């Protein structure tokens, strides 16, 4: 198991592309944690409601 930690601060345009690229690989034994660091660009809402189903 690999833990992938994504640190975010006002980077709303980046997490979805990053996560999509992780799911595009063949290795599947991983978990993803997004650490939100007080963003003001809507990143918090994105992290709370976005569901990824790749």
N, C-alpha and C. Protein backbone atom coordinates (compact mmCIF):
# COMPACT_ATOMS: atom_id res chain seq x y z
N UNK A 1 0.85 -1.18 0.00
CA UNK A 1 0.00 0.00 0.00
C UNK A 1 0.89 1.23 0.00
N UNK A 2 0.57 2.15 -0.88
CA UNK A 2 1.29 3.42 -0.97
C UNK A 2 0.31 4.53 -0.60
N UNK A 3 0.74 5.43 0.27
CA UNK A 3 -0.07 6.59 0.63
C UNK A 3 0.44 7.80 -0.16
N UNK A 4 -0.46 8.43 -0.86
CA UNK A 4 -0.13 9.62 -1.64
C UNK A 4 -0.80 10.80 -0.96
N UNK A 5 -0.01 11.78 -0.57
CA UNK A 5 -0.53 12.95 0.13
C UNK A 5 -0.36 14.16 -0.78
N UNK A 6 -1.48 14.81 -1.07
CA UNK A 6 -1.48 15.99 -1.91
C UNK A 6 -1.71 17.19 -1.01
N UNK A 7 -0.73 18.09 -0.96
CA UNK A 7 -0.84 19.32 -0.18
C UNK A 7 -1.43 20.39 -1.11
N UNK A 8 -2.47 21.08 -0.66
CA UNK A 8 -3.12 22.06 -1.51
C UNK A 8 -3.27 23.39 -0.78
N UNK A 9 -2.96 24.46 -1.50
CA UNK A 9 -3.26 25.82 -1.05
C UNK A 9 -3.57 26.65 -2.29
N UNK A 10 -4.82 27.04 -2.42
CA UNK A 10 -5.29 27.83 -3.56
C UNK A 10 -4.89 27.22 -4.90
N UNK A 11 -4.99 25.92 -5.00
CA UNK A 11 -4.63 25.23 -6.23
C UNK A 11 -5.80 24.48 -6.83
N UNK A 12 -6.96 25.10 -6.84
CA UNK A 12 -8.18 24.45 -7.28
C UNK A 12 -8.04 23.81 -8.66
N UNK A 13 -7.24 24.38 -9.52
CA UNK A 13 -7.12 23.87 -10.89
C UNK A 13 -6.24 22.62 -11.00
N UNK A 14 -5.53 22.24 -9.94
CA UNK A 14 -4.57 21.13 -10.03
C UNK A 14 -5.02 19.77 -9.51
N UNK A 15 -5.75 19.66 -8.40
CA UNK A 15 -5.99 18.33 -7.81
C UNK A 15 -6.69 17.34 -8.74
N UNK A 16 -7.67 17.77 -9.51
CA UNK A 16 -8.40 16.82 -10.34
C UNK A 16 -7.49 16.20 -11.40
N UNK A 17 -6.63 17.01 -12.02
CA UNK A 17 -5.69 16.48 -13.02
C UNK A 17 -4.68 15.53 -12.36
N UNK A 18 -4.23 15.90 -11.19
CA UNK A 18 -3.26 15.08 -10.46
C UNK A 18 -3.88 13.73 -10.11
N UNK A 19 -5.09 13.74 -9.59
CA UNK A 19 -5.74 12.51 -9.18
C UNK A 19 -6.08 11.65 -10.40
N UNK A 20 -6.50 12.28 -11.48
CA UNK A 20 -6.78 11.52 -12.71
C UNK A 20 -5.53 10.81 -13.21
N UNK A 21 -4.39 11.46 -13.12
CA UNK A 21 -3.16 10.81 -13.58
C UNK A 21 -2.77 9.65 -12.67
N UNK A 22 -3.07 9.74 -11.40
CA UNK A 22 -2.79 8.63 -10.48
C UNK A 22 -3.65 7.41 -10.83
N UNK A 23 -4.91 7.63 -11.15
CA UNK A 23 -5.79 6.53 -11.51
C UNK A 23 -5.51 5.99 -12.90
N UNK A 24 -4.78 6.72 -13.72
CA UNK A 24 -4.45 6.27 -15.07
C UNK A 24 -3.32 5.25 -15.09
N UNK A 25 -2.61 5.13 -13.99
CA UNK A 25 -1.51 4.15 -13.95
C UNK A 25 -2.05 2.75 -13.67
N UNK A 26 -1.21 1.76 -13.82
CA UNK A 26 -1.65 0.38 -13.62
C UNK A 26 -1.58 -0.06 -12.16
N UNK A 27 -0.72 0.55 -11.36
CA UNK A 27 -0.61 0.19 -9.95
C UNK A 27 -1.84 0.72 -9.22
N UNK A 28 -2.53 -0.12 -8.48
CA UNK A 28 -3.80 0.26 -7.85
C UNK A 28 -3.79 0.22 -6.32
N UNK A 29 -2.73 -0.23 -5.73
CA UNK A 29 -2.72 -0.38 -4.27
C UNK A 29 -2.25 0.93 -3.62
N UNK A 30 -3.12 1.95 -3.67
CA UNK A 30 -2.76 3.23 -3.07
C UNK A 30 -3.99 3.92 -2.49
N UNK A 31 -3.71 4.84 -1.61
CA UNK A 31 -4.75 5.71 -1.06
C UNK A 31 -4.31 7.14 -1.27
N UNK A 32 -5.25 8.05 -1.42
CA UNK A 32 -4.95 9.46 -1.66
C UNK A 32 -5.55 10.28 -0.53
N UNK A 33 -4.74 11.14 0.04
CA UNK A 33 -5.19 12.08 1.07
C UNK A 33 -4.90 13.48 0.57
N UNK A 34 -5.90 14.35 0.60
CA UNK A 34 -5.70 15.76 0.25
C UNK A 34 -5.64 16.55 1.54
N UNK A 35 -4.55 17.26 1.75
CA UNK A 35 -4.39 18.13 2.91
C UNK A 35 -4.65 19.55 2.44
N UNK A 36 -5.75 20.12 2.91
CA UNK A 36 -6.14 21.47 2.51
C UNK A 36 -5.54 22.45 3.50
N UNK A 37 -4.89 23.46 2.99
CA UNK A 37 -4.11 24.36 3.83
C UNK A 37 -4.69 25.77 3.87
N UNK A 38 -6.00 25.89 4.05
CA UNK A 38 -6.63 27.19 4.23
C UNK A 38 -6.86 27.97 2.94
N UNK A 39 -7.18 27.29 1.88
CA UNK A 39 -7.40 27.96 0.60
C UNK A 39 -8.63 28.86 0.63
N UNK A 40 -8.60 29.87 -0.25
CA UNK A 40 -9.73 30.79 -0.39
C UNK A 40 -10.27 30.78 -1.82
N UNK A 41 -9.88 29.80 -2.62
CA UNK A 41 -10.27 29.76 -4.04
C UNK A 41 -11.32 28.70 -4.35
N UNK A 42 -11.96 28.14 -3.34
CA UNK A 42 -12.95 27.11 -3.56
C UNK A 42 -12.42 25.70 -3.44
N UNK A 43 -11.14 25.56 -3.15
CA UNK A 43 -10.53 24.24 -3.03
C UNK A 43 -11.16 23.40 -1.92
N UNK A 44 -11.56 24.05 -0.85
CA UNK A 44 -12.13 23.32 0.28
C UNK A 44 -13.41 22.62 -0.15
N UNK A 45 -14.28 23.33 -0.84
CA UNK A 45 -15.52 22.74 -1.32
C UNK A 45 -15.27 21.61 -2.30
N UNK A 46 -14.29 21.78 -3.16
CA UNK A 46 -13.94 20.75 -4.12
C UNK A 46 -13.52 19.48 -3.38
N UNK A 47 -12.65 19.62 -2.41
CA UNK A 47 -12.14 18.46 -1.67
C UNK A 47 -13.25 17.77 -0.89
N UNK A 48 -14.24 18.50 -0.45
CA UNK A 48 -15.31 17.91 0.34
C UNK A 48 -16.34 17.16 -0.49
N UNK A 49 -16.63 17.63 -1.68
CA UNK A 49 -17.75 17.04 -2.42
C UNK A 49 -17.36 16.25 -3.66
N UNK A 50 -16.15 16.36 -4.10
CA UNK A 50 -15.75 15.69 -5.33
C UNK A 50 -15.61 14.20 -5.10
N UNK A 51 -16.23 13.41 -5.95
CA UNK A 51 -16.08 11.96 -5.90
C UNK A 51 -15.35 11.52 -7.15
N UNK A 52 -14.37 10.69 -6.96
CA UNK A 52 -13.58 10.19 -8.08
C UNK A 52 -13.92 8.72 -8.28
N UNK A 53 -14.26 8.35 -9.50
CA UNK A 53 -14.66 6.98 -9.77
C UNK A 53 -13.97 6.45 -11.02
N UNK A 54 -12.69 6.56 -11.06
CA UNK A 54 -11.95 6.05 -12.22
C UNK A 54 -11.66 4.59 -12.03
